[in-house]
Amino acid sequence: MTSTKAICLAVLCAVFVSIATIFQKLAGEKLPAIITNWPIFAAILFYFIGLMFLIKAFKHNNLTTVYPIVASSYILSAFYAMIIFKETISLLRWIGVIFVFLGVAMIGVDNK
């Protein structure tokens, strides 16, 4: 497996982890129910799937290359929060999102 494929697996992990955060938010709104709180179980499932992608990526590339790419889940979560939950994101947070994106991009370019 090439490093490009490992990076793609890390991106898939980020997608699943960010979807899990949606379910975490939904689960929080249903507390204190646990057993009937289906978003908790959906979040666990999406985290588990993301973990499987991450483990596969670790098998074929460096920790220092793969794991920071998972930080892109923050970028996706910001978009989900804005679109799904109608949250307002401040300019300062968008600047932070841009820095996260630039950091992930630099890691991808510097992949050795």
Protein backbone atom coordinates (compact mmCIF):
# COMPACT_ATOMS: atom_id res chain seq x y z
CA MET A 1 0.00 0.00 0.00
CA THR A 2 1.39 3.37 -0.92
CA SER A 3 1.56 6.30 1.44
CA THR A 4 -1.14 7.97 -0.67
CA LYS A 5 -3.51 5.13 0.13
CA ALA A 6 -2.61 5.36 3.82
CA ILE A 7 -3.40 9.08 3.75
CA CYS A 8 -6.73 8.33 2.06
CA LEU A 9 -7.50 5.84 4.84
CA ALA A 10 -6.68 8.52 7.42
CA VAL A 11 -9.05 10.91 5.65
CA LEU A 12 -11.77 8.25 5.74
CA CYS A 13 -11.10 7.90 9.45
CA ALA A 14 -11.57 11.67 9.84
CA VAL A 15 -14.88 11.49 7.96
CA PHE A 16 -16.22 8.73 10.19
CA VAL A 17 -14.97 10.41 13.37
CA SER A 18 -16.61 13.69 12.37
CA ILE A 19 -19.89 11.90 11.67
CA ALA A 20 -19.57 10.32 15.12
CA THR A 21 -19.45 13.83 16.61
CA ILE A 22 -22.85 14.56 15.07
CA PHE A 23 -24.25 11.56 16.88
CA GLN A 24 -22.52 12.63 20.09
CA LYS A 25 -24.28 15.99 19.87
CA LEU A 26 -27.62 14.26 19.26
CA ALA A 27 -26.95 11.86 22.15
CA GLY A 28 -26.26 14.79 24.45
CA GLU A 29 -29.66 16.23 23.67
CA LYS A 30 -31.32 12.94 24.72
CA LEU A 31 -29.57 12.61 28.09
CA PRO A 32 -30.05 11.28 30.74
CA ALA A 33 -31.40 8.33 28.70
CA ILE A 34 -28.67 5.83 27.87
CA ILE A 35 -30.19 2.53 26.76
CA THR A 36 -32.82 4.18 24.54
CA ASN A 37 -30.38 6.85 23.33
CA TRP A 38 -29.65 5.40 19.87
CA PRO A 39 -27.25 8.22 18.85
CA ILE A 40 -24.80 6.95 21.50
CA PHE A 41 -24.63 3.60 19.74
CA ALA A 42 -24.39 5.25 16.32
CA ALA A 43 -21.46 7.36 17.57
CA ILE A 44 -19.71 4.24 18.88
CA LEU A 45 -20.24 2.50 15.54
CA PHE A 46 -18.84 5.41 13.52
CA TYR A 47 -15.85 5.76 15.88
CA PHE A 48 -15.19 2.04 15.51
CA ILE A 49 -15.30 2.20 11.71
CA GLY A 50 -13.00 5.22 11.79
CA LEU A 51 -10.64 3.33 14.08
CA MET A 52 -10.46 0.45 11.61
CA PHE A 53 -9.44 2.84 8.83
CA LEU A 54 -6.87 4.44 11.13
CA ILE A 55 -5.32 1.13 12.16
CA LYS A 56 -5.03 0.08 8.53
CA ALA A 57 -3.37 3.41 7.69
CA PHE A 58 -0.91 3.00 10.60
CA LYS A 59 0.10 -0.37 9.22
CA HIS A 60 1.39 1.29 6.07
CA ASN A 61 2.65 4.72 7.08
CA ASN A 62 4.21 6.70 9.91
CA LEU A 63 2.26 7.77 12.96
CA THR A 64 3.52 11.32 12.48
CA THR A 65 2.11 11.39 8.96
CA VAL A 66 -1.18 9.59 9.44
CA TYR A 67 -2.51 10.74 12.80
CA PRO A 68 -2.41 14.51 12.27
CA ILE A 69 -4.62 14.02 9.21
CA VAL A 70 -7.34 12.87 11.59
CA ALA A 71 -7.35 16.50 12.78
CA SER A 72 -9.24 17.26 9.58
CA SER A 73 -12.24 15.81 11.40
CA TYR A 74 -12.38 19.18 13.18
CA ILE A 75 -12.82 20.90 9.83
CA LEU A 76 -15.66 18.59 8.85
CA SER A 77 -17.27 18.93 12.28
CA ALA A 78 -17.31 22.71 11.89
CA PHE A 79 -19.16 22.40 8.59
CA TYR A 80 -21.59 19.85 10.03
CA ALA A 81 -22.29 22.11 13.02
CA MET A 82 -23.06 24.99 10.71
CA ILE A 83 -25.21 23.00 8.25
CA ILE A 84 -26.98 20.46 10.47
CA PHE A 85 -27.24 22.29 13.79
CA LYS A 86 -27.35 25.85 12.39
CA GLU A 87 -24.49 26.88 14.67
CA THR A 88 -22.77 30.18 14.06
CA ILE A 89 -19.01 29.95 13.71
CA SER A 90 -17.00 33.07 14.49
CA LEU A 91 -14.34 34.51 12.22
CA LEU A 92 -11.65 33.56 14.73
CA ARG A 93 -12.77 29.92 14.64
CA TRP A 94 -12.79 29.94 10.83
CA ILE A 95 -9.22 31.23 10.94
CA GLY A 96 -8.40 28.30 13.24
CA VAL A 97 -10.06 25.90 10.79
CA ILE A 98 -7.91 27.35 8.00
CA PHE A 99 -4.77 26.77 10.09
CA VAL A 100 -5.81 23.17 10.77
CA PHE A 101 -6.39 22.68 7.04
CA LEU A 102 -3.01 24.19 6.17
CA GLY A 103 -1.31 21.99 8.76
CA VAL A 104 -2.93 18.85 7.39
CA ALA A 105 -2.00 19.90 3.84
CA MET A 106 1.63 20.51 4.84
CA ILE A 107 1.82 17.06 6.44
CA GLY A 108 0.46 15.52 3.26
CA VAL A 109 2.98 17.35 1.10
CA ASP A 110 5.88 16.57 3.44
CA ASN A 111 5.07 12.85 3.45
CA LYS A 112 8.32 10.92 3.01
